[in-house]
Amino acid sequence: MQERVFPDRARQPRALALIGNVGSAIWPFFDAARQNTPGLTLDRWTEETVGRIAADAGLEAVYPFNGPPYHPFIQWAKRTGRLFSSPIGLTIHSDHGLWLAFRAALLSDRPIDPADSSAAHPCERCADRPCLTACPVGAFTDRGYDFQRCLDHVASPDNACREGGCLARIACPVGRQHRYVEPHAAFHMKQLLRAHGRS
């Protein structure tokens, strides 16, 4: 995937603040907005919401879904010292587990002196790694993630992943209190299917 860079060195931001949601904290607000605005997408709602905050603060907002090229949100997140690669490929937070999603970043010309927030990789203390065995169709193997097998399963009718979210993700013990509520999980699965012409 091509990543976006800042070619104008004079415009290099000196700091950025990542904006995201833990678990389903975002869901009641977005769900209410889309009920009032038919056809409203999560990306458009994010741009409208974060855009207002950025404008009020005199900052520039960037988003992970605008591209290509794309801004390197995963690399930015890992530089915090609190996010890591998990065995199933998703980024995992030391406290929030697999339930942290970044929706935007605010860029600033003013430097920030962040406190040290480094943490240990949570997967290193997980002996059983249930995330690797919970998938009902074995999409996670020694050869990596079989996306097509996963997609075919989610596209099939009446399965737990489609209605309640990825079972491999749910099996992770880290931050399980932040698990998505079912309507939120089902929304994302529907978006996955739609993005790949399987809705």
N, C-alpha and C. Protein backbone atom coordinates (compact mmCIF):
# COMPACT_ATOMS: atom_id res chain seq x y z
N MET A 1 0.84 -1.18 0.00
CA MET A 1 0.00 0.00 0.00
C MET A 1 0.89 1.24 0.00
N GLN A 2 0.64 2.15 -0.91
CA GLN A 2 1.44 3.36 -0.98
C GLN A 2 1.10 4.29 0.19
N GLU A 3 2.14 4.81 0.83
CA GLU A 3 1.93 5.68 1.97
C GLU A 3 2.13 7.14 1.57
N ARG A 4 1.39 7.99 2.21
CA ARG A 4 1.50 9.42 1.93
C ARG A 4 2.66 9.99 2.73
N VAL A 5 3.35 10.91 2.13
CA VAL A 5 4.44 11.62 2.80
C VAL A 5 4.13 13.11 2.73
N PHE A 6 4.93 13.90 3.41
CA PHE A 6 4.79 15.34 3.38
C PHE A 6 5.95 15.89 2.56
N PRO A 7 5.77 16.04 1.22
CA PRO A 7 6.88 16.42 0.36
C PRO A 7 7.42 17.82 0.63
N ASP A 8 6.57 18.72 1.12
CA ASP A 8 7.00 20.07 1.42
C ASP A 8 7.57 20.09 2.83
N ARG A 9 8.89 20.08 2.93
CA ARG A 9 9.52 19.99 4.25
C ARG A 9 9.16 21.17 5.13
N ALA A 10 8.82 22.30 4.52
CA ALA A 10 8.41 23.46 5.31
C ALA A 10 7.09 23.21 6.02
N ARG A 11 6.31 22.23 5.51
CA ARG A 11 5.00 21.93 6.09
C ARG A 11 5.03 20.72 6.99
N GLN A 12 6.19 20.19 7.27
CA GLN A 12 6.27 19.01 8.13
C GLN A 12 5.65 19.32 9.49
N PRO A 13 4.66 18.55 9.92
CA PRO A 13 4.10 18.80 11.26
C PRO A 13 5.13 18.45 12.33
N ARG A 14 5.12 19.20 13.40
CA ARG A 14 6.05 18.94 14.49
C ARG A 14 5.45 17.97 15.51
N ALA A 15 4.14 17.79 15.45
CA ALA A 15 3.48 16.85 16.35
C ALA A 15 2.15 16.44 15.75
N LEU A 16 1.65 15.30 16.17
CA LEU A 16 0.32 14.89 15.76
C LEU A 16 -0.37 14.18 16.91
N ALA A 17 -1.67 14.30 16.93
CA ALA A 17 -2.48 13.63 17.94
C ALA A 17 -3.42 12.67 17.23
N LEU A 18 -3.32 11.40 17.58
CA LEU A 18 -4.19 10.38 16.99
C LEU A 18 -5.55 10.41 17.68
N ILE A 19 -6.59 10.32 16.88
CA ILE A 19 -7.95 10.32 17.40
C ILE A 19 -8.61 9.00 17.03
N GLY A 20 -9.17 8.33 18.01
CA GLY A 20 -9.82 7.06 17.74
C GLY A 20 -10.91 6.76 18.74
N ASN A 21 -11.38 5.54 18.69
CA ASN A 21 -12.39 5.10 19.63
C ASN A 21 -11.97 3.78 20.25
N VAL A 22 -12.31 3.64 21.52
CA VAL A 22 -12.10 2.38 22.23
C VAL A 22 -13.44 1.68 22.31
N GLY A 23 -13.47 0.44 21.82
CA GLY A 23 -14.71 -0.31 21.85
C GLY A 23 -15.82 0.40 21.11
N SER A 24 -17.02 0.34 21.67
CA SER A 24 -18.19 0.93 21.01
C SER A 24 -18.55 2.30 21.55
N ALA A 25 -17.57 3.01 22.13
CA ALA A 25 -17.86 4.35 22.66
C ALA A 25 -18.38 5.28 21.57
N ILE A 26 -17.93 5.07 20.35
CA ILE A 26 -18.33 5.93 19.22
C ILE A 26 -19.73 5.57 18.69
N TRP A 27 -20.16 4.34 18.90
CA TRP A 27 -21.33 3.82 18.21
C TRP A 27 -22.62 4.59 18.46
N PRO A 28 -23.01 4.93 19.70
CA PRO A 28 -24.28 5.63 19.90
C PRO A 28 -24.35 6.96 19.15
N PHE A 29 -23.22 7.66 19.04
CA PHE A 29 -23.20 8.96 18.38
C PHE A 29 -23.33 8.81 16.86
N PHE A 30 -22.56 7.89 16.30
CA PHE A 30 -22.66 7.68 14.86
C PHE A 30 -24.00 7.07 14.49
N ASP A 31 -24.48 6.13 15.28
CA ASP A 31 -25.75 5.47 14.97
C ASP A 31 -26.89 6.48 14.98
N ALA A 32 -26.88 7.39 15.95
CA ALA A 32 -27.92 8.42 16.00
C ALA A 32 -27.82 9.34 14.79
N ALA A 33 -26.60 9.69 14.39
CA ALA A 33 -26.41 10.59 13.25
C ALA A 33 -26.89 9.94 11.96
N ARG A 34 -26.61 8.65 11.78
CA ARG A 34 -27.02 8.01 10.53
C ARG A 34 -28.52 7.75 10.49
N GLN A 35 -29.16 7.65 11.65
CA GLN A 35 -30.62 7.52 11.65
C GLN A 35 -31.26 8.81 11.15
N ASN A 36 -30.61 9.94 11.47
CA ASN A 36 -31.13 11.24 11.06
C ASN A 36 -30.71 11.65 9.66
N THR A 37 -29.65 11.00 9.14
CA THR A 37 -29.13 11.34 7.81
C THR A 37 -28.95 10.05 7.01
N PRO A 38 -29.98 9.60 6.32
CA PRO A 38 -29.86 8.36 5.54
C PRO A 38 -28.69 8.42 4.56
N GLY A 39 -27.94 7.33 4.50
CA GLY A 39 -26.80 7.27 3.60
C GLY A 39 -25.51 7.80 4.19
N LEU A 40 -25.56 8.31 5.42
CA LEU A 40 -24.36 8.84 6.06
C LEU A 40 -23.38 7.70 6.33
N THR A 41 -22.16 7.84 5.86
CA THR A 41 -21.13 6.83 6.10
C THR A 41 -20.32 7.19 7.33
N LEU A 42 -19.65 6.21 7.90
CA LEU A 42 -18.80 6.45 9.06
C LEU A 42 -17.65 7.39 8.69
N ASP A 43 -17.10 7.22 7.49
CA ASP A 43 -16.00 8.08 7.07
C ASP A 43 -16.45 9.54 6.94
N ARG A 44 -17.61 9.74 6.34
CA ARG A 44 -18.10 11.12 6.17
C ARG A 44 -18.43 11.74 7.52
N TRP A 45 -19.05 10.97 8.39
CA TRP A 45 -19.37 11.46 9.74
C TRP A 45 -18.09 11.82 10.49
N THR A 46 -17.06 10.99 10.34
CA THR A 46 -15.78 11.26 10.99
C THR A 46 -15.19 12.57 10.48
N GLU A 47 -15.18 12.75 9.16
CA GLU A 47 -14.63 13.98 8.58
C GLU A 47 -15.39 15.21 9.07
N GLU A 48 -16.70 15.11 9.13
CA GLU A 48 -17.50 16.25 9.58
C GLU A 48 -17.25 16.55 11.06
N THR A 49 -17.21 15.52 11.87
CA THR A 49 -17.04 15.69 13.31
C THR A 49 -15.64 16.18 13.67
N VAL A 50 -14.63 15.46 13.18
CA VAL A 50 -13.25 15.84 13.48
C VAL A 50 -12.89 17.15 12.78
N GLY A 51 -13.44 17.36 11.59
CA GLY A 51 -13.17 18.59 10.86
C GLY A 51 -13.57 19.82 11.65
N ARG A 52 -14.71 19.76 12.34
CA ARG A 52 -15.14 20.89 13.17
C ARG A 52 -14.17 21.14 14.32
N ILE A 53 -13.72 20.04 14.94
CA ILE A 53 -12.76 20.17 16.05
C ILE A 53 -11.46 20.78 15.56
N ALA A 54 -10.99 20.30 14.41
CA ALA A 54 -9.74 20.81 13.86
C ALA A 54 -9.86 22.29 13.52
N ALA A 55 -10.97 22.67 12.90
CA ALA A 55 -11.15 24.07 12.52
C ALA A 55 -11.18 24.98 13.75
N ASP A 56 -11.87 24.53 14.78
CA ASP A 56 -11.95 25.34 16.01
C ASP A 56 -10.58 25.51 16.65
N ALA A 57 -9.72 24.49 16.52
CA ALA A 57 -8.40 24.53 17.14
C ALA A 57 -7.32 25.09 16.21
N GLY A 58 -7.69 25.38 14.95
CA GLY A 58 -6.71 25.87 14.00
C GLY A 58 -5.69 24.83 13.58
N LEU A 59 -6.12 23.57 13.52
CA LEU A 59 -5.23 22.46 13.17
C LEU A 59 -5.69 21.81 11.87
N GLU A 60 -4.80 21.04 11.28
CA GLU A 60 -5.13 20.27 10.09
C GLU A 60 -5.48 18.84 10.49
N ALA A 61 -6.55 18.32 9.92
CA ALA A 61 -6.95 16.93 10.19
C ALA A 61 -6.64 16.07 8.98
N VAL A 62 -6.14 14.87 9.22
CA VAL A 62 -5.93 13.87 8.17
C VAL A 62 -6.60 12.58 8.61
N TYR A 63 -6.89 11.71 7.62
CA TYR A 63 -7.70 10.53 7.89
C TYR A 63 -7.06 9.29 7.27
N PRO A 64 -7.26 8.12 7.88
CA PRO A 64 -6.65 6.89 7.34
C PRO A 64 -7.31 6.38 6.08
N PHE A 65 -8.51 6.85 5.78
CA PHE A 65 -9.26 6.33 4.64
C PHE A 65 -9.17 7.21 3.40
N ASN A 66 -8.46 8.32 3.48
CA ASN A 66 -8.31 9.19 2.32
C ASN A 66 -7.02 8.85 1.57
N GLY A 67 -7.15 8.33 0.37
CA GLY A 67 -6.00 7.96 -0.43
C GLY A 67 -6.47 7.11 -1.59
N PRO A 68 -5.55 6.48 -2.33
CA PRO A 68 -4.10 6.54 -2.11
C PRO A 68 -3.51 7.84 -2.61
N PRO A 69 -2.30 8.18 -2.12
CA PRO A 69 -1.55 7.48 -1.07
C PRO A 69 -2.17 7.72 0.30
N TYR A 70 -1.81 6.88 1.26
CA TYR A 70 -2.40 6.91 2.59
C TYR A 70 -1.38 7.36 3.63
N HIS A 71 -1.88 8.00 4.66
CA HIS A 71 -1.01 8.35 5.79
C HIS A 71 -0.71 7.08 6.59
N PRO A 72 0.49 6.96 7.14
CA PRO A 72 0.90 5.72 7.83
C PRO A 72 0.41 5.64 9.28
N PHE A 73 -0.91 5.51 9.45
CA PHE A 73 -1.49 5.50 10.80
C PHE A 73 -0.94 4.37 11.67
N ILE A 74 -0.75 3.20 11.10
CA ILE A 74 -0.26 2.07 11.90
C ILE A 74 1.14 2.36 12.43
N GLN A 75 2.00 2.90 11.58
CA GLN A 75 3.35 3.24 12.02
C GLN A 75 3.31 4.33 13.09
N TRP A 76 2.45 5.32 12.89
CA TRP A 76 2.30 6.37 13.90
C TRP A 76 1.85 5.76 15.22
N ALA A 77 0.89 4.87 15.17
CA ALA A 77 0.37 4.26 16.39
C ALA A 77 1.45 3.46 17.13
N LYS A 78 2.24 2.71 16.39
CA LYS A 78 3.27 1.89 17.03
C LYS A 78 4.36 2.74 17.67
N ARG A 79 4.55 3.96 17.17
CA ARG A 79 5.57 4.84 17.75
C ARG A 79 5.18 5.33 19.13
N THR A 80 3.91 5.14 19.52
CA THR A 80 3.50 5.53 20.88
C THR A 80 4.07 4.59 21.93
N GLY A 81 4.50 3.39 21.51
CA GLY A 81 5.00 2.42 22.47
C GLY A 81 3.92 1.63 23.17
N ARG A 82 2.67 1.79 22.73
CA ARG A 82 1.55 1.09 23.36
C ARG A 82 0.82 0.17 22.40
N LEU A 83 1.18 0.19 21.12
CA LEU A 83 0.50 -0.64 20.14
C LEU A 83 1.50 -1.52 19.41
N PHE A 84 1.05 -2.76 19.10
CA PHE A 84 1.94 -3.78 18.56
C PHE A 84 1.19 -4.61 17.52
N SER A 85 1.91 -5.42 16.77
CA SER A 85 1.29 -6.37 15.85
C SER A 85 0.84 -7.59 16.64
N SER A 86 -0.38 -8.06 16.38
CA SER A 86 -0.90 -9.24 17.05
C SER A 86 -0.70 -10.47 16.17
N PRO A 87 -0.86 -11.67 16.71
CA PRO A 87 -0.70 -12.89 15.89
C PRO A 87 -1.67 -12.98 14.72
N ILE A 88 -2.82 -12.30 14.81
CA ILE A 88 -3.79 -12.35 13.70
C ILE A 88 -3.67 -11.15 12.77
N GLY A 89 -2.64 -10.34 12.97
CA GLY A 89 -2.37 -9.25 12.05
C GLY A 89 -2.94 -7.90 12.44
N LEU A 90 -3.94 -7.87 13.31
CA LEU A 90 -4.48 -6.60 13.76
C LEU A 90 -3.53 -5.94 14.75
N THR A 91 -3.63 -4.63 14.86
CA THR A 91 -2.83 -3.91 15.84
C THR A 91 -3.49 -4.05 17.20
N ILE A 92 -2.68 -4.37 18.21
CA ILE A 92 -3.21 -4.59 19.55
C ILE A 92 -2.64 -3.56 20.52
N HIS A 93 -3.50 -2.99 21.35
CA HIS A 93 -3.10 -2.01 22.36
C HIS A 93 -2.82 -2.75 23.67
N SER A 94 -1.88 -2.24 24.43
CA SER A 94 -1.48 -2.93 25.66
C SER A 94 -2.62 -3.06 26.66
N ASP A 95 -3.57 -2.12 26.68
CA ASP A 95 -4.71 -2.18 27.61
C ASP A 95 -6.04 -2.45 26.91
N HIS A 96 -6.24 -1.84 25.77
CA HIS A 96 -7.53 -1.92 25.08
C HIS A 96 -7.62 -3.11 24.12
N GLY A 97 -6.55 -3.86 23.98
CA GLY A 97 -6.56 -5.04 23.13
C GLY A 97 -6.80 -4.70 21.67
N LEU A 98 -7.64 -5.50 21.03
CA LEU A 98 -7.93 -5.35 19.60
C LEU A 98 -9.10 -4.40 19.34
N TRP A 99 -9.47 -3.62 20.36
CA TRP A 99 -10.68 -2.81 20.27
C TRP A 99 -10.40 -1.31 20.25
N LEU A 100 -9.26 -0.93 19.67
CA LEU A 100 -8.92 0.47 19.49
C LEU A 100 -8.79 0.74 17.99
N ALA A 101 -9.54 1.72 17.51
CA ALA A 101 -9.51 2.05 16.08
C ALA A 101 -9.23 3.54 15.91
N PHE A 102 -8.29 3.85 15.02
CA PHE A 102 -7.96 5.25 14.77
C PHE A 102 -8.78 5.77 13.61
N ARG A 103 -9.39 6.93 13.81
CA ARG A 103 -10.26 7.52 12.81
C ARG A 103 -9.68 8.77 12.17
N ALA A 104 -8.71 9.42 12.85
CA ALA A 104 -8.16 10.66 12.33
C ALA A 104 -6.88 11.01 13.09
N ALA A 105 -6.21 12.05 12.62
CA ALA A 105 -5.07 12.61 13.33
C ALA A 105 -5.09 14.11 13.14
N LEU A 106 -4.72 14.84 14.17
CA LEU A 106 -4.60 16.28 14.10
C LEU A 106 -3.13 16.63 14.04
N LEU A 107 -2.76 17.45 13.04
CA LEU A 107 -1.37 17.84 12.84
C LEU A 107 -1.16 19.23 13.42
N SER A 108 0.00 19.40 14.05
CA SER A 108 0.29 20.68 14.69
C SER A 108 1.71 21.12 14.36
N ASP A 109 1.88 22.43 14.21
CA ASP A 109 3.21 23.01 14.04
C ASP A 109 3.89 23.24 15.38
N ARG A 110 3.13 23.06 16.45
CA ARG A 110 3.69 23.27 17.78
C ARG A 110 4.17 21.94 18.34
N PRO A 111 5.39 21.89 18.86
CA PRO A 111 5.90 20.63 19.39
C PRO A 111 5.18 20.21 20.67
N ILE A 112 5.14 18.92 20.90
CA ILE A 112 4.55 18.36 22.11
C ILE A 112 5.62 17.51 22.79
N ASP A 113 5.72 17.64 24.09
CA ASP A 113 6.68 16.83 24.85
C ASP A 113 5.89 15.72 25.55
N PRO A 114 5.68 14.58 24.86
CA PRO A 114 4.81 13.55 25.44
C PRO A 114 5.49 12.81 26.59
N ALA A 115 4.67 12.37 27.51
CA ALA A 115 5.19 11.54 28.60
C ALA A 115 5.51 10.16 28.07
N ASP A 116 6.42 9.46 28.73
CA ASP A 116 6.77 8.11 28.32
C ASP A 116 5.57 7.20 28.55
N SER A 117 5.09 6.56 27.49
CA SER A 117 3.91 5.71 27.61
C SER A 117 4.18 4.29 27.15
N SER A 118 5.44 3.91 27.09
CA SER A 118 5.77 2.59 26.58
C SER A 118 5.22 1.49 27.48
N ALA A 119 4.91 0.35 26.88
CA ALA A 119 4.35 -0.78 27.62
C ALA A 119 4.87 -2.07 27.00
N ALA A 120 4.70 -3.18 27.72
CA ALA A 120 5.11 -4.49 27.22
C ALA A 120 4.10 -5.00 26.20
N HIS A 121 4.58 -5.77 25.24
CA HIS A 121 3.71 -6.38 24.23
C HIS A 121 2.78 -7.38 24.95
N PRO A 122 1.46 -7.16 24.89
CA PRO A 122 0.54 -8.03 25.64
C PRO A 122 0.53 -9.48 25.15
N CYS A 123 0.83 -9.71 23.88
CA CYS A 123 0.79 -11.07 23.35
C CYS A 123 1.94 -11.94 23.87
N GLU A 124 2.99 -11.32 24.36
CA GLU A 124 4.14 -12.08 24.85
C GLU A 124 3.85 -12.80 26.16
N ARG A 125 2.83 -12.34 26.87
CA ARG A 125 2.46 -13.01 28.13
C ARG A 125 1.20 -13.87 27.97
N CYS A 126 0.79 -14.07 26.72
CA CYS A 126 -0.40 -14.88 26.44
C CYS A 126 0.05 -16.25 25.92
N ALA A 127 0.03 -17.25 26.77
CA ALA A 127 0.56 -18.56 26.40
C ALA A 127 -0.36 -19.30 25.43
N ASP A 128 -1.67 -19.19 25.62
CA ASP A 128 -2.61 -19.99 24.82
C ASP A 128 -2.89 -19.39 23.44
N ARG A 129 -2.82 -18.09 23.31
CA ARG A 129 -3.11 -17.40 22.05
C ARG A 129 -4.41 -17.91 21.40
N PRO A 130 -5.53 -17.77 22.10
CA PRO A 130 -6.80 -18.29 21.58
C PRO A 130 -7.24 -17.63 20.28
N CYS A 131 -6.70 -16.46 19.98
CA CYS A 131 -7.08 -15.78 18.73
C CYS A 131 -6.74 -16.63 17.51
N LEU A 132 -5.71 -17.47 17.62
CA LEU A 132 -5.27 -18.26 16.47
C LEU A 132 -6.12 -19.50 16.23
N THR A 133 -6.89 -19.90 17.22
CA THR A 133 -7.67 -21.14 17.09
C THR A 133 -9.18 -20.93 17.13
N ALA A 134 -9.62 -19.70 17.38
CA ALA A 134 -11.06 -19.45 17.54
C ALA A 134 -11.80 -19.31 16.22
N CYS A 135 -11.08 -19.08 15.13
CA CYS A 135 -11.75 -18.89 13.84
C CYS A 135 -12.45 -20.17 13.42
N PRO A 136 -13.76 -20.13 13.14
CA PRO A 136 -14.50 -21.35 12.79
C PRO A 136 -14.12 -21.96 11.45
N VAL A 137 -13.42 -21.21 10.60
CA VAL A 137 -13.03 -21.76 9.30
C VAL A 137 -11.51 -21.82 9.14
N GLY A 138 -10.78 -21.64 10.25
CA GLY A 138 -9.32 -21.76 10.20
C GLY A 138 -8.64 -20.79 9.27
N ALA A 139 -9.06 -19.52 9.29
CA ALA A 139 -8.48 -18.52 8.40
C ALA A 139 -7.08 -18.09 8.81
N PHE A 140 -6.67 -18.42 10.04
CA PHE A 140 -5.34 -18.05 10.52
C PHE A 140 -4.50 -19.31 10.61
N THR A 141 -3.45 -19.36 9.79
CA THR A 141 -2.59 -20.54 9.71
C THR A 141 -1.13 -20.13 9.79
N ASP A 142 -0.25 -21.13 9.75
CA ASP A 142 1.19 -20.85 9.74
C ASP A 142 1.60 -20.05 8.51
N ARG A 143 0.79 -20.12 7.46
CA ARG A 143 1.09 -19.38 6.22
C ARG A 143 0.53 -17.96 6.25
N GLY A 144 -0.18 -17.61 7.31
CA GLY A 144 -0.73 -16.27 7.42
C GLY A 144 -2.25 -16.28 7.41
N TYR A 145 -2.81 -15.15 7.09
CA TYR A 145 -4.26 -14.93 7.12
C TYR A 145 -4.86 -15.22 5.76
N ASP A 146 -5.80 -16.15 5.71
CA ASP A 146 -6.50 -16.49 4.48
C ASP A 146 -7.74 -15.61 4.37
N PHE A 147 -7.57 -14.44 3.76
CA PHE A 147 -8.66 -13.47 3.70
C PHE A 147 -9.87 -14.01 2.94
N GLN A 148 -9.63 -14.72 1.84
CA GLN A 148 -10.75 -15.21 1.04
C GLN A 148 -11.60 -16.19 1.82
N ARG A 149 -10.96 -17.06 2.60
CA ARG A 149 -11.71 -18.02 3.42
C ARG A 149 -12.55 -17.28 4.45
N CYS A 150 -11.96 -16.25 5.05
CA CYS A 150 -12.68 -15.43 6.03
C CYS A 150 -13.87 -14.75 5.37
N LEU A 151 -13.65 -14.12 4.22
CA LEU A 151 -14.72 -13.39 3.54
C LEU A 151 -15.85 -14.32 3.13
N ASP A 152 -15.52 -15.50 2.62
CA ASP A 152 -16.55 -16.46 2.22
C ASP A 152 -17.40 -16.86 3.43
N HIS A 153 -16.75 -17.02 4.57
CA HIS A 153 -17.48 -17.41 5.78
C HIS A 153 -18.42 -16.29 6.22
N VAL A 154 -17.90 -15.07 6.30
CA VAL A 154 -18.73 -13.95 6.74
C VAL A 154 -19.90 -13.72 5.78
N ALA A 155 -19.68 -14.00 4.49
CA ALA A 155 -20.73 -13.82 3.50
C ALA A 155 -21.83 -14.87 3.58
N SER A 156 -21.54 -15.99 4.24
CA SER A 156 -22.55 -17.05 4.35
C SER A 156 -23.62 -16.64 5.36
N PRO A 157 -24.83 -17.14 5.22
CA PRO A 157 -25.92 -16.69 6.11
C PRO A 157 -25.81 -17.29 7.50
N ASP A 158 -26.34 -16.54 8.46
CA ASP A 158 -26.53 -17.04 9.83
C ASP A 158 -25.25 -17.58 10.45
N ASN A 159 -24.19 -16.77 10.45
CA ASN A 159 -22.99 -17.20 11.17
C ASN A 159 -22.64 -16.17 12.24
N ALA A 160 -21.98 -16.65 13.29
CA ALA A 160 -21.73 -15.82 14.47
C ALA A 160 -20.83 -14.63 14.15
N CYS A 161 -19.86 -14.80 13.26
CA CYS A 161 -18.95 -13.70 12.94
C CYS A 161 -19.71 -12.56 12.26
N ARG A 162 -20.60 -12.90 11.35
CA ARG A 162 -21.35 -11.87 10.62
C ARG A 162 -22.25 -11.07 11.55
N GLU A 163 -22.84 -11.73 12.52
CA GLU A 163 -23.81 -11.07 13.40
C GLU A 163 -23.17 -10.41 14.61
N GLY A 164 -22.08 -11.00 15.12
CA GLY A 164 -21.53 -10.49 16.38
C GLY A 164 -20.08 -10.08 16.34
N GLY A 165 -19.43 -10.22 15.18
CA GLY A 165 -18.03 -9.83 15.07
C GLY A 165 -17.11 -11.03 14.99
N CYS A 166 -15.90 -10.78 14.54
CA CYS A 166 -14.88 -11.81 14.35
C CYS A 166 -14.63 -12.59 15.64
N LEU A 167 -14.81 -13.91 15.58
CA LEU A 167 -14.63 -14.75 16.77
C LEU A 167 -13.17 -14.81 17.21
N ALA A 168 -12.25 -14.69 16.27
CA ALA A 168 -10.83 -14.68 16.63
C ALA A 168 -10.50 -13.42 17.43
N ARG A 169 -11.05 -12.32 17.01
CA ARG A 169 -10.84 -11.05 17.72
C ARG A 169 -11.48 -11.11 19.10
N ILE A 170 -12.67 -11.66 19.17
CA ILE A 170 -13.39 -11.75 20.44
C ILE A 170 -12.66 -12.66 21.43
N ALA A 171 -11.94 -13.66 20.92
CA ALA A 171 -11.26 -14.62 21.79
C ALA A 171 -10.08 -14.02 22.54
N CYS A 172 -9.55 -12.91 22.06
CA CYS A 172 -8.39 -12.30 22.71
C CYS A 172 -8.77 -11.85 24.12
N PRO A 173 -7.97 -12.22 25.14
CA PRO A 173 -8.31 -11.85 26.52
C PRO A 173 -7.95 -10.41 26.88
N VAL A 174 -7.16 -9.74 26.06
CA VAL A 174 -6.72 -8.38 26.38
C VAL A 174 -7.83 -7.38 26.06
N GLY A 175 -8.22 -6.61 27.04
CA GLY A 175 -9.23 -5.57 26.83
C GLY A 175 -10.58 -6.08 26.43
N ARG A 176 -10.93 -7.29 26.85
CA ARG A 176 -12.20 -7.86 26.37
C ARG A 176 -13.43 -7.08 26.85
N GLN A 177 -13.25 -6.26 27.89
CA GLN A 177 -14.37 -5.43 28.35
C GLN A 177 -14.73 -4.36 27.34
N HIS A 178 -13.86 -4.15 26.35
CA HIS A 178 -14.11 -3.13 25.34
C HIS A 178 -14.69 -3.72 24.04
N ARG A 179 -15.04 -4.98 24.07
CA ARG A 179 -15.60 -5.63 22.88
C ARG A 179 -16.76 -4.83 22.31
N TYR A 180 -16.85 -4.79 20.97
CA TYR A 180 -17.95 -4.08 20.32
C TYR A 180 -19.30 -4.68 20.71
N VAL A 181 -20.28 -3.81 20.87
CA VAL A 181 -21.65 -4.31 21.02
C VAL A 181 -22.07 -4.89 19.68
N GLU A 182 -23.03 -5.81 19.69
CA GLU A 182 -23.36 -6.55 18.48
C GLU A 182 -23.78 -5.67 17.29
N PRO A 183 -24.62 -4.64 17.48
CA PRO A 183 -24.98 -3.82 16.31
C PRO A 183 -23.76 -3.14 15.69
N HIS A 184 -22.82 -2.73 16.50
CA HIS A 184 -21.60 -2.09 16.01
C HIS A 184 -20.76 -3.11 15.24
N ALA A 185 -20.59 -4.29 15.80
CA ALA A 185 -19.82 -5.34 15.12
C ALA A 185 -20.47 -5.74 13.80
N ALA A 186 -21.79 -5.90 13.82
CA ALA A 186 -22.51 -6.29 12.61
C ALA A 186 -22.39 -5.22 11.53
N PHE A 187 -22.38 -3.96 11.93
CA PHE A 187 -22.22 -2.86 10.98
C PHE A 187 -20.89 -2.99 10.24
N HIS A 188 -19.80 -3.23 10.98
CA HIS A 188 -18.49 -3.33 10.35
C HIS A 188 -18.40 -4.56 9.43
N MET A 189 -19.02 -5.66 9.82
CA MET A 189 -19.01 -6.83 8.96
C MET A 189 -19.79 -6.56 7.67
N LYS A 190 -20.87 -5.83 7.79
CA LYS A 190 -21.65 -5.47 6.60
C LYS A 190 -20.83 -4.59 5.68
N GLN A 191 -20.07 -3.66 6.26
CA GLN A 191 -19.21 -2.78 5.45
C GLN A 191 -18.11 -3.57 4.76
N LEU A 192 -17.58 -4.59 5.45
CA LEU A 192 -16.56 -5.45 4.85
C LEU A 192 -17.12 -6.15 3.62
N LEU A 193 -18.30 -6.72 3.75
CA LEU A 193 -18.92 -7.42 2.63
C LEU A 193 -19.22 -6.48 1.47
N ARG A 194 -19.73 -5.30 1.80
CA ARG A 194 -20.07 -4.33 0.76
C ARG A 194 -18.82 -3.88 0.01
N ALA A 195 -17.71 -3.68 0.74
CA ALA A 195 -16.47 -3.23 0.11
C ALA A 195 -15.92 -4.25 -0.89
N HIS A 196 -16.30 -5.52 -0.69
CA HIS A 196 -15.80 -6.58 -1.57
C HIS A 196 -16.90 -7.20 -2.43
N GLY A 197 -17.98 -6.43 -2.59
CA GLY A 197 -19.06 -6.85 -3.49
C GLY A 197 -19.78 -8.10 -3.05
N ARG A 198 -19.89 -8.32 -1.73
CA ARG A 198 -20.52 -9.53 -1.24
C ARG A 198 -21.77 -9.24 -0.41
N SER A 199 -22.23 -8.01 -0.41
CA SER A 199 -23.39 -7.68 0.43
C SER A 199 -24.68 -8.19 -0.21
